[in-house]
Protein backbone atom coordinates (compact mmCIF):
# COMPACT_ATOMS: atom_id res chain seq x y z
CA MET A 1 -12.01 -23.94 -18.04
CA LEU A 2 -12.61 -20.72 -16.16
CA VAL A 3 -15.93 -18.89 -16.48
CA MET A 4 -15.83 -15.22 -15.51
CA ASP A 5 -18.25 -12.37 -15.73
CA ASN A 6 -17.12 -9.23 -17.51
CA LEU A 7 -16.05 -7.28 -14.44
CA ASN A 8 -13.00 -5.24 -15.40
CA THR A 9 -11.00 -6.49 -12.39
CA HIS A 10 -11.05 -10.11 -13.57
CA LYS A 11 -7.72 -10.68 -15.26
CA LEU A 12 -5.37 -13.61 -15.68
CA SER A 13 -2.54 -11.36 -14.49
CA ALA A 14 -3.68 -11.77 -10.86
CA PRO A 15 -1.36 -14.76 -10.16
CA CYS A 16 1.62 -12.50 -11.02
CA LYS A 17 1.01 -10.68 -7.74
CA ALA A 18 1.25 -13.87 -5.70
CA PHE A 19 3.76 -16.04 -7.60
CA PRO A 20 7.04 -15.63 -9.48
CA ALA A 21 6.55 -14.75 -13.17
CA ASP A 22 7.39 -18.20 -14.58
CA GLU A 23 5.06 -19.98 -12.16
CA ALA A 24 2.26 -17.43 -12.73
CA SER A 25 2.63 -17.94 -16.48
CA ARG A 26 2.22 -21.70 -16.07
CA PHE A 27 -0.98 -21.11 -14.09
CA ALA A 28 -2.38 -18.74 -16.72
CA ASP A 29 -1.57 -21.15 -19.55
CA ARG A 30 -3.69 -23.86 -17.90
CA PHE A 31 -6.90 -21.82 -18.05
CA GLU A 32 -9.32 -21.61 -20.94
CA VAL A 33 -11.26 -18.44 -20.15
CA HIS A 34 -14.91 -18.03 -21.09
CA HIS A 35 -16.66 -14.76 -20.33
CA ALA A 36 -20.34 -14.72 -19.47
CA PRO A 37 -22.55 -12.53 -21.68
CA LYS A 38 -22.59 -8.87 -20.66
CA HIS A 39 -26.37 -8.80 -20.42
CA GLY A 40 -28.54 -11.48 -18.87
CA ASN A 41 -28.13 -13.85 -16.01
CA TRP A 42 -26.32 -16.73 -17.71
CA LEU A 43 -23.81 -17.08 -14.88
CA ASN A 44 -26.60 -17.19 -12.26
CA MET A 45 -28.31 -19.98 -14.21
CA ALA A 46 -25.04 -21.94 -14.40
CA GLU A 47 -24.47 -21.51 -10.65
CA THR A 48 -28.00 -22.73 -9.94
CA GLU A 49 -27.52 -25.83 -12.10
CA ILE A 50 -24.22 -26.62 -10.42
CA GLY A 51 -25.87 -26.24 -7.01
CA VAL A 52 -28.70 -28.63 -7.92
CA LEU A 53 -26.24 -31.12 -9.39
CA SER A 54 -24.08 -30.92 -6.26
CA ARG A 55 -26.96 -31.52 -3.86
CA GLN A 56 -28.70 -34.26 -5.81
CA CYS A 57 -25.85 -36.08 -7.47
CA LEU A 58 -22.41 -35.12 -6.24
CA ALA A 59 -22.87 -35.07 -2.47
CA ARG A 60 -20.69 -38.16 -2.27
CA ARG A 61 -17.34 -39.33 -3.54
CA ILE A 62 -17.36 -40.34 -7.21
CA PRO A 63 -14.68 -42.99 -7.87
CA ASP A 64 -13.83 -42.19 -11.51
CA ARG A 65 -14.62 -40.00 -14.49
CA GLU A 66 -16.86 -42.57 -16.20
CA THR A 67 -19.10 -42.83 -13.14
CA LEU A 68 -19.22 -39.04 -12.88
CA GLU A 69 -20.25 -38.68 -16.53
CA ARG A 70 -22.92 -41.36 -16.10
CA GLU A 71 -24.30 -39.67 -12.96
CA ILE A 72 -24.42 -36.27 -14.65
CA ALA A 73 -26.14 -37.69 -17.75
CA PHE A 74 -28.75 -39.36 -15.53
CA GLN A 75 -29.29 -36.16 -13.56
CA ASN A 76 -29.69 -34.13 -16.75
CA THR A 77 -32.25 -36.65 -18.04
CA CYS A 78 -34.21 -36.31 -14.80
CA LEU A 79 -34.16 -32.50 -15.02
CA ILE A 80 -35.32 -32.51 -18.64
CA ASN A 81 -38.18 -34.97 -18.01
CA ASN A 82 -39.51 -33.06 -14.99
């Protein structure tokens, strides 16, 4: 998943400038693009949450996906209850 704001320079065609067409197409096909709302600070809120999660939960190596999901769920519970 790729979250982008609505700046008109953000395009999935950018890899075409750096890679051959077939390889750039494979890169573009891997992304699921989500654009942030045009008005509001949704992207800033998401960046803040990711920063808090990184500092408080992810500042160490997580061995597998299940542990990661458990850590994130616990962190979200702590944020909601505080």
